[in-house]
Amino acid sequence: MAGLIPCLLTLFVIIFAISKGVPVAGLLFAVTIMTGVALTLSTVVILSILCRERLVHNFERRPRLFATISSVWKARQG
């Protein structure tokens, strides 16, 4: 969803490039920004999946440790 709504800076650069007669520069800037957003979001998703699998693995290996942590956390929350 984040890539579907262009940011104001991108719109400004595209309009500025068009007004200066170099629309290709504005479009290249937009493609570069879009690529950066896509890579960043993809990296976050991949890391989330890997960390989730690792966390589930640790929960299965050390159930008493996480039960203790959970009870301490609940006690601190009040």
PDB file of N, CA and C in Angstrom:
ATOM      1  N   MET A   1       0.816  -1.199   0.000  1.00  0.00           N
ATOM      2  CA  MET A   1       0.000   0.000   0.000  1.00  0.00           C
ATOM      3  C   MET A   1       0.858   1.261   0.000  1.00  0.00           C
ATOM      4  N   ALA A   2       2.004   1.204   0.662  1.00  0.00           N
ATOM      5  CA  ALA A   2       2.832   2.410   0.775  1.00  0.00           C
ATOM      6  C   ALA A   2       3.322   2.882  -0.584  1.00  0.00           C
ATOM      7  N   GLY A   3       3.569   1.977  -1.488  1.00  0.00           N
ATOM      8  CA  GLY A   3       4.080   2.370  -2.792  1.00  0.00           C
ATOM      9  C   GLY A   3       3.020   2.921  -3.734  1.00  0.00           C
ATOM     10  N   LEU A   4       1.745   2.732  -3.390  1.00  0.00           N
ATOM     11  CA  LEU A   4       0.681   3.196  -4.272  1.00  0.00           C
ATOM     12  C   LEU A   4       0.435   4.694  -4.154  1.00  0.00           C
ATOM     13  N   ILE A   5       0.777   5.285  -3.018  1.00  0.00           N
ATOM     14  CA  ILE A   5       0.562   6.710  -2.800  1.00  0.00           C
ATOM     15  C   ILE A   5       1.906   7.414  -2.916  1.00  0.00           C
ATOM     16  N   PRO A   6       2.115   8.216  -3.959  1.00  0.00           N
ATOM     17  CA  PRO A   6       3.411   8.871  -4.111  1.00  0.00           C
ATOM     18  C   PRO A   6       3.603   9.964  -3.049  1.00  0.00           C
ATOM     19  N   CYS A   7       4.810  10.098  -2.581  1.00  0.00           N
ATOM     20  CA  CYS A   7       5.089  11.128  -1.586  1.00  0.00           C
ATOM     21  C   CYS A   7       5.160  12.495  -2.267  1.00  0.00           C
ATOM     22  N   LEU A   8       5.008  13.525  -1.476  1.00  0.00           N
ATOM     23  CA  LEU A   8       4.999  14.881  -2.015  1.00  0.00           C
ATOM     24  C   LEU A   8       6.330  15.252  -2.658  1.00  0.00           C
ATOM     25  N   LEU A   9       7.438  14.773  -2.097  1.00  0.00           N
ATOM     26  CA  LEU A   9       8.743  15.070  -2.683  1.00  0.00           C
ATOM     27  C   LEU A   9       8.847  14.494  -4.092  1.00  0.00           C
ATOM     28  N   THR A  10       8.361  13.277  -4.267  1.00  0.00           N
ATOM     29  CA  THR A  10       8.409  12.659  -5.585  1.00  0.00           C
ATOM     30  C   THR A  10       7.570  13.453  -6.587  1.00  0.00           C
ATOM     31  N   LEU A  11       6.373  13.831  -6.175  1.00  0.00           N
ATOM     32  CA  LEU A  11       5.524  14.627  -7.060  1.00  0.00           C
ATOM     33  C   LEU A  11       6.194  15.957  -7.401  1.00  0.00           C
ATOM     34  N   PHE A  12       6.796  16.587  -6.413  1.00  0.00           N
ATOM     35  CA  PHE A  12       7.474  17.860  -6.648  1.00  0.00           C
ATOM     36  C   PHE A  12       8.610  17.691  -7.650  1.00  0.00           C
ATOM     37  N   VAL A  13       9.419  16.651  -7.462  1.00  0.00           N
ATOM     38  CA  VAL A  13      10.563  16.431  -8.360  1.00  0.00           C
ATOM     39  C   VAL A  13      10.087  16.133  -9.771  1.00  0.00           C
ATOM     40  N   ILE A  14       9.036  15.338  -9.921  1.00  0.00           N
ATOM     41  CA  ILE A  14       8.524  15.034 -11.260  1.00  0.00           C
ATOM     42  C   ILE A  14       8.011  16.309 -11.929  1.00  0.00           C
ATOM     43  N   ILE A  15       7.231  17.104 -11.214  1.00  0.00           N
ATOM     44  CA  ILE A  15       6.706  18.346 -11.786  1.00  0.00           C
ATOM     45  C   ILE A  15       7.848  19.309 -12.117  1.00  0.00           C
ATOM     46  N   PHE A  16       8.825  19.392 -11.229  1.00  0.00           N
ATOM     47  CA  PHE A  16       9.979  20.268 -11.471  1.00  0.00           C
ATOM     48  C   PHE A  16      10.750  19.814 -12.705  1.00  0.00           C
ATOM     49  N   ALA A  17      10.957  18.508 -12.828  1.00  0.00           N
ATOM     50  CA  ALA A  17      11.687  17.981 -13.988  1.00  0.00           C
ATOM     51  C   ALA A  17      10.925  18.241 -15.279  1.00  0.00           C
ATOM     52  N   ILE A  18       9.604  18.085 -15.232  1.00  0.00           N
ATOM     53  CA  ILE A  18       8.802  18.355 -16.420  1.00  0.00           C
ATOM     54  C   ILE A  18       8.884  19.834 -16.792  1.00  0.00           C
ATOM     55  N   SER A  19       8.838  20.711 -15.771  1.00  0.00           N
ATOM     56  CA  SER A  19       8.895  22.149 -16.055  1.00  0.00           C
ATOM     57  C   SER A  19      10.259  22.562 -16.617  1.00  0.00           C
ATOM     58  N   LYS A  20      11.306  21.824 -16.270  1.00  0.00           N
ATOM     59  CA  LYS A  20      12.651  22.125 -16.792  1.00  0.00           C
ATOM     60  C   LYS A  20      12.932  21.414 -18.111  1.00  0.00           C
ATOM     61  N   GLY A  21      11.977  20.632 -18.586  1.00  0.00           N
ATOM     62  CA  GLY A  21      12.148  19.972 -19.876  1.00  0.00           C
ATOM     63  C   GLY A  21      12.895  18.652 -19.831  1.00  0.00           C
ATOM     64  N   VAL A  22      13.038  18.063 -18.651  1.00  0.00           N
ATOM     65  CA  VAL A  22      13.711  16.760 -18.526  1.00  0.00           C
ATOM     66  C   VAL A  22      12.806  15.781 -17.753  1.00  0.00           C
ATOM     67  N   PRO A  23      11.705  15.385 -18.359  1.00  0.00           N
ATOM     68  CA  PRO A  23      10.778  14.496 -17.643  1.00  0.00           C
ATOM     69  C   PRO A  23      11.380  13.125 -17.322  1.00  0.00           C
ATOM     70  N   VAL A  24      12.354  12.700 -18.128  1.00  0.00           N
ATOM     71  CA  VAL A  24      12.988  11.395 -17.871  1.00  0.00           C
ATOM     72  C   VAL A  24      13.689  11.398 -16.509  1.00  0.00           C
ATOM     73  N   ALA A  25      14.314  12.513 -16.147  1.00  0.00           N
ATOM     74  CA  ALA A  25      14.992  12.606 -14.849  1.00  0.00           C
ATOM     75  C   ALA A  25      13.992  12.451 -13.706  1.00  0.00           C
ATOM     76  N   GLY A  26      12.837  13.076 -13.844  1.00  0.00           N
ATOM     77  CA  GLY A  26      11.803  12.950 -12.816  1.00  0.00           C
ATOM     78  C   GLY A  26      11.281  11.541 -12.697  1.00  0.00           C
ATOM     79  N   LEU A  27      11.079  10.894 -13.840  1.00  0.00           N
ATOM     80  CA  LEU A  27      10.603   9.511 -13.821  1.00  0.00           C
ATOM     81  C   LEU A  27      11.655   8.559 -13.253  1.00  0.00           C
ATOM     82  N   LEU A  28      12.914   8.791 -13.582  1.00  0.00           N
ATOM     83  CA  LEU A  28      13.981   7.956 -13.006  1.00  0.00           C
ATOM     84  C   LEU A  28      14.055   8.128 -11.495  1.00  0.00           C
ATOM     85  N   PHE A  29      13.861   9.361 -11.037  1.00  0.00           N
ATOM     86  CA  PHE A  29      13.835   9.602  -9.591  1.00  0.00           C
ATOM     87  C   PHE A  29      12.682   8.830  -8.945  1.00  0.00           C
ATOM     88  N   ALA A  30      11.507   8.882  -9.570  1.00  0.00           N
ATOM     89  CA  ALA A  30      10.339   8.182  -9.027  1.00  0.00           C
ATOM     90  C   ALA A  30      10.567   6.670  -8.992  1.00  0.00           C
ATOM     91  N   VAL A  31      11.162   6.136 -10.052  1.00  0.00           N
ATOM     92  CA  VAL A  31      11.449   4.694 -10.094  1.00  0.00           C
ATOM     93  C   VAL A  31      12.467   4.320  -9.014  1.00  0.00           C
ATOM     94  N   THR A  32      13.449   5.175  -8.807  1.00  0.00           N
ATOM     95  CA  THR A  32      14.451   4.919  -7.766  1.00  0.00           C
ATOM     96  C   THR A  32      13.815   4.905  -6.383  1.00  0.00           C
ATOM     97  N   ILE A  33      12.951   5.875  -6.128  1.00  0.00           N
ATOM     98  CA  ILE A  33      12.249   5.918  -4.836  1.00  0.00           C
ATOM     99  C   ILE A  33      11.372   4.678  -4.671  1.00  0.00           C
ATOM    100  N   MET A  34      10.639   4.313  -5.723  1.00  0.00           N
ATOM    101  CA  MET A  34       9.763   3.146  -5.669  1.00  0.00           C
ATOM    102  C   MET A  34      10.567   1.866  -5.402  1.00  0.00           C
ATOM    103  N   THR A  35      11.719   1.744  -6.035  1.00  0.00           N
ATOM    104  CA  THR A  35      12.578   0.580  -5.821  1.00  0.00           C
ATOM    105  C   THR A  35      13.086   0.532  -4.388  1.00  0.00           C
ATOM    106  N   GLY A  36      13.482   1.674  -3.860  1.00  0.00           N
ATOM    107  CA  GLY A  36      13.942   1.729  -2.476  1.00  0.00           C
ATOM    108  C   GLY A  36      12.860   1.343  -1.488  1.00  0.00           C
ATOM    109  N   VAL A  37      11.647   1.829  -1.718  1.00  0.00           N
ATOM    110  CA  VAL A  37      10.523   1.474  -0.838  1.00  0.00           C
ATOM    111  C   VAL A  37      10.241  -0.021  -0.922  1.00  0.00           C
ATOM    112  N   ALA A  38      10.236  -0.552  -2.131  1.00  0.00           N
ATOM    113  CA  ALA A  38       9.973  -1.990  -2.314  1.00  0.00           C
ATOM    114  C   ALA A  38      11.035  -2.845  -1.631  1.00  0.00           C
ATOM    115  N   LEU A  39      12.299  -2.476  -1.778  1.00  0.00           N
ATOM    116  CA  LEU A  39      13.373  -3.241  -1.127  1.00  0.00           C
ATOM    117  C   LEU A  39      13.286  -3.150   0.400  1.00  0.00           C
ATOM    118  N   THR A  40      12.993  -1.958   0.898  1.00  0.00           N
ATOM    119  CA  THR A  40      12.883  -1.786   2.346  1.00  0.00           C
ATOM    120  C   THR A  40      11.730  -2.610   2.914  1.00  0.00           C
ATOM    121  N   LEU A  41      10.555  -2.523   2.288  1.00  0.00           N
ATOM    122  CA  LEU A  41       9.404  -3.283   2.783  1.00  0.00           C
ATOM    123  C   LEU A  41       9.638  -4.786   2.663  1.00  0.00           C
ATOM    124  N   SER A  42      10.254  -5.219   1.579  1.00  0.00           N
ATOM    125  CA  SER A  42      10.548  -6.648   1.408  1.00  0.00           C
ATOM    126  C   SER A  42      11.520  -7.139   2.475  1.00  0.00           C
ATOM    127  N   THR A  43      12.519  -6.334   2.782  1.00  0.00           N
ATOM    128  CA  THR A  43      13.490  -6.706   3.816  1.00  0.00           C
ATOM    129  C   THR A  43      12.821  -6.827   5.175  1.00  0.00           C
ATOM    130  N   VAL A  44      11.945  -5.895   5.488  1.00  0.00           N
ATOM    131  CA  VAL A  44      11.230  -5.945   6.772  1.00  0.00           C
ATOM    132  C   VAL A  44      10.363  -7.199   6.853  1.00  0.00           C
ATOM    133  N   VAL A  45       9.679  -7.537   5.777  1.00  0.00           N
ATOM    134  CA  VAL A  45       8.829  -8.735   5.764  1.00  0.00           C
ATOM    135  C   VAL A  45       9.665  -9.996   5.940  1.00  0.00           C
ATOM    136  N   ILE A  46      10.754 -10.100   5.208  1.00  0.00           N
ATOM    137  CA  ILE A  46      11.608 -11.291   5.298  1.00  0.00           C
ATOM    138  C   ILE A  46      12.198 -11.429   6.699  1.00  0.00           C
ATOM    139  N   LEU A  47      12.681 -10.329   7.262  1.00  0.00           N
ATOM    140  CA  LEU A  47      13.230 -10.382   8.616  1.00  0.00           C
ATOM    141  C   LEU A  47      12.158 -10.736   9.646  1.00  0.00           C
ATOM    142  N   SER A  48      10.951 -10.243   9.453  1.00  0.00           N
ATOM    143  CA  SER A  48       9.858 -10.578  10.370  1.00  0.00           C
ATOM    144  C   SER A  48       9.549 -12.069  10.336  1.00  0.00           C
ATOM    145  N   ILE A  49       9.522 -12.632   9.152  1.00  0.00           N
ATOM    146  CA  ILE A  49       9.253 -14.067   9.019  1.00  0.00           C
ATOM    147  C   ILE A  49      10.366 -14.879   9.668  1.00  0.00           C
ATOM    148  N   LEU A  50      11.616 -14.514   9.398  1.00  0.00           N
ATOM    149  CA  LEU A  50      12.743 -15.254   9.967  1.00  0.00           C
ATOM    150  C   LEU A  50      12.778 -15.122  11.488  1.00  0.00           C
ATOM    151  N   CYS A  51      12.522 -13.936  11.998  1.00  0.00           N
ATOM    152  CA  CYS A  51      12.538 -13.741  13.451  1.00  0.00           C
ATOM    153  C   CYS A  51      11.381 -14.478  14.112  1.00  0.00           C
ATOM    154  N   ARG A  52      10.232 -14.535  13.433  1.00  0.00           N
ATOM    155  CA  ARG A  52       9.094 -15.256  13.985  1.00  0.00           C
ATOM    156  C   ARG A  52       9.423 -16.746  14.105  1.00  0.00           C
ATOM    157  N   GLU A  53      10.000 -17.308  13.044  1.00  0.00           N
ATOM    158  CA  GLU A  53      10.360 -18.728  13.088  1.00  0.00           C
ATOM    159  C   GLU A  53      11.371 -19.008  14.191  1.00  0.00           C
ATOM    160  N   ARG A  54      12.328 -18.115  14.344  1.00  0.00           N
ATOM    161  CA  ARG A  54      13.331 -18.280  15.394  1.00  0.00           C
ATOM    162  C   ARG A  54      12.692 -18.182  16.788  1.00  0.00           C
ATOM    163  N   LEU A  55      11.776 -17.239  16.947  1.00  0.00           N
ATOM    164  CA  LEU A  55      11.101 -17.057  18.236  1.00  0.00           C
ATOM    165  C   LEU A  55      10.236 -18.271  18.573  1.00  0.00           C
ATOM    166  N   VAL A  56       9.498 -18.795  17.595  1.00  0.00           N
ATOM    167  CA  VAL A  56       8.686 -19.987  17.825  1.00  0.00           C
ATOM    168  C   VAL A  56       9.581 -21.165  18.198  1.00  0.00           C
ATOM    169  N   HIS A  57      10.706 -21.290  17.523  1.00  0.00           N
ATOM    170  CA  HIS A  57      11.658 -22.362  17.836  1.00  0.00           C
ATOM    171  C   HIS A  57      12.144 -22.238  19.282  1.00  0.00           C
ATOM    172  N   ASN A  58      12.463 -21.028  19.713  1.00  0.00           N
ATOM    173  CA  ASN A  58      12.930 -20.823  21.087  1.00  0.00           C
ATOM    174  C   ASN A  58      11.817 -21.092  22.098  1.00  0.00           C
ATOM    175  N   PHE A  59      10.571 -20.735  21.773  1.00  0.00           N
ATOM    176  CA  PHE A  59       9.450 -21.043  22.667  1.00  0.00           C
ATOM    177  C   PHE A  59       9.306 -22.549  22.858  1.00  0.00           C
ATOM    178  N   GLU A  60       9.495 -23.301  21.773  1.00  0.00           N
ATOM    179  CA  GLU A  60       9.357 -24.751  21.856  1.00  0.00           C
ATOM    180  C   GLU A  60      10.514 -25.388  22.624  1.00  0.00           C
ATOM    181  N   ARG A  61      11.720 -24.828  22.523  1.00  0.00           N
ATOM    182  CA  ARG A  61      12.888 -25.407  23.192  1.00  0.00           C
ATOM    183  C   ARG A  61      12.936 -25.082  24.685  1.00  0.00           C
ATOM    184  N   ARG A  62      12.456 -23.901  25.076  1.00  0.00           N
ATOM    185  CA  ARG A  62      12.572 -23.456  26.469  1.00  0.00           C
ATOM    186  C   ARG A  62      11.235 -22.955  27.012  1.00  0.00           C
ATOM    187  N   PRO A  63      10.266 -23.842  27.181  1.00  0.00           N
ATOM    188  CA  PRO A  63       8.943 -23.384  27.618  1.00  0.00           C
ATOM    189  C   PRO A  63       8.941 -22.800  29.040  1.00  0.00           C
ATOM    190  N   ARG A  64       9.758 -23.358  29.935  1.00  0.00           N
ATOM    191  CA  ARG A  64       9.775 -22.845  31.319  1.00  0.00           C
ATOM    192  C   ARG A  64      10.362 -21.443  31.378  1.00  0.00           C
ATOM    193  N   LEU A  65      11.396 -21.176  30.604  1.00  0.00           N
ATOM    194  CA  LEU A  65      12.005 -19.852  30.584  1.00  0.00           C
ATOM    195  C   LEU A  65      10.983 -18.795  30.156  1.00  0.00           C
ATOM    196  N   PHE A  66      10.248 -19.090  29.107  1.00  0.00           N
ATOM    197  CA  PHE A  66       9.277 -18.114  28.623  1.00  0.00           C
ATOM    198  C   PHE A  66       8.060 -18.016  29.538  1.00  0.00           C
ATOM    199  N   ALA A  67       7.726 -19.095  30.231  1.00  0.00           N
ATOM    200  CA  ALA A  67       6.650 -19.016  31.224  1.00  0.00           C
ATOM    201  C   ALA A  67       7.068 -18.098  32.365  1.00  0.00           C
ATOM    202  N   THR A  68       8.321 -18.189  32.788  1.00  0.00           N
ATOM    203  CA  THR A  68       8.834 -17.320  33.845  1.00  0.00           C
ATOM    204  C   THR A  68       8.852 -15.866  33.387  1.00  0.00           C
ATOM    205  N   ILE A  69       9.346 -15.636  32.190  1.00  0.00           N
ATOM    206  CA  ILE A  69       9.384 -14.270  31.648  1.00  0.00           C
ATOM    207  C   ILE A  69       7.971 -13.709  31.550  1.00  0.00           C
ATOM    208  N   SER A  70       7.036 -14.533  31.102  1.00  0.00           N
ATOM    209  CA  SER A  70       5.655 -14.092  30.961  1.00  0.00           C
ATOM    210  C   SER A  70       5.038 -13.736  32.310  1.00  0.00           C
ATOM    211  N   SER A  71       5.295 -14.553  33.315  1.00  0.00           N
ATOM    212  CA  SER A  71       4.724 -14.263  34.633  1.00  0.00           C
ATOM    213  C   SER A  71       5.336 -13.001  35.238  1.00  0.00           C
ATOM    214  N   VAL A  72       6.638 -12.801  35.045  1.00  0.00           N
ATOM    215  CA  VAL A  72       7.283 -11.576  35.535  1.00  0.00           C
ATOM    216  C   VAL A  72       6.720 -10.367  34.799  1.00  0.00           C
ATOM    217  N   TRP A  73       6.540 -10.485  33.503  1.00  0.00           N
ATOM    218  CA  TRP A  73       5.998  -9.385  32.702  1.00  0.00           C
ATOM    219  C   TRP A  73       4.578  -9.018  33.169  1.00  0.00           C
ATOM    220  N   LYS A  74       3.745 -10.046  33.421  1.00  0.00           N
ATOM    221  CA  LYS A  74       2.387  -9.795  33.885  1.00  0.00           C
ATOM    222  C   LYS A  74       2.387  -9.142  35.246  1.00  0.00           C
ATOM    223  N   ALA A  75       3.300  -9.566  36.121  1.00  0.00           N
ATOM    224  CA  ALA A  75       3.377  -8.971  37.465  1.00  0.00           C
ATOM    225  C   ALA A  75       3.788  -7.511  37.387  1.00  0.00           C
ATOM    226  N   ARG A  76       4.683  -7.169  36.478  1.00  0.00           N
ATOM    227  CA  ARG A  76       5.136  -5.779  36.345  1.00  0.00           C
ATOM    228  C   ARG A  76       4.049  -4.895  35.735  1.00  0.00           C
ATOM    229  N   GLN A  77       3.179  -5.475  34.897  1.00  0.00           N
ATOM    230  CA  GLN A  77       2.125  -4.702  34.274  1.00  0.00           C
ATOM    231  C   GLN A  77       1.031  -4.343  35.269  1.00  0.00           C
ATOM    232  N   GLY A  78       0.936  -5.083  36.323  1.00  0.00           N
ATOM    233  CA  GLY A  78      -0.008  -4.751  37.387  1.00  0.00           C
ATOM    234  C   GLY A  78      -1.269  -5.434  37.242  1.00  0.00           C
TER     235      GLY A  78
END
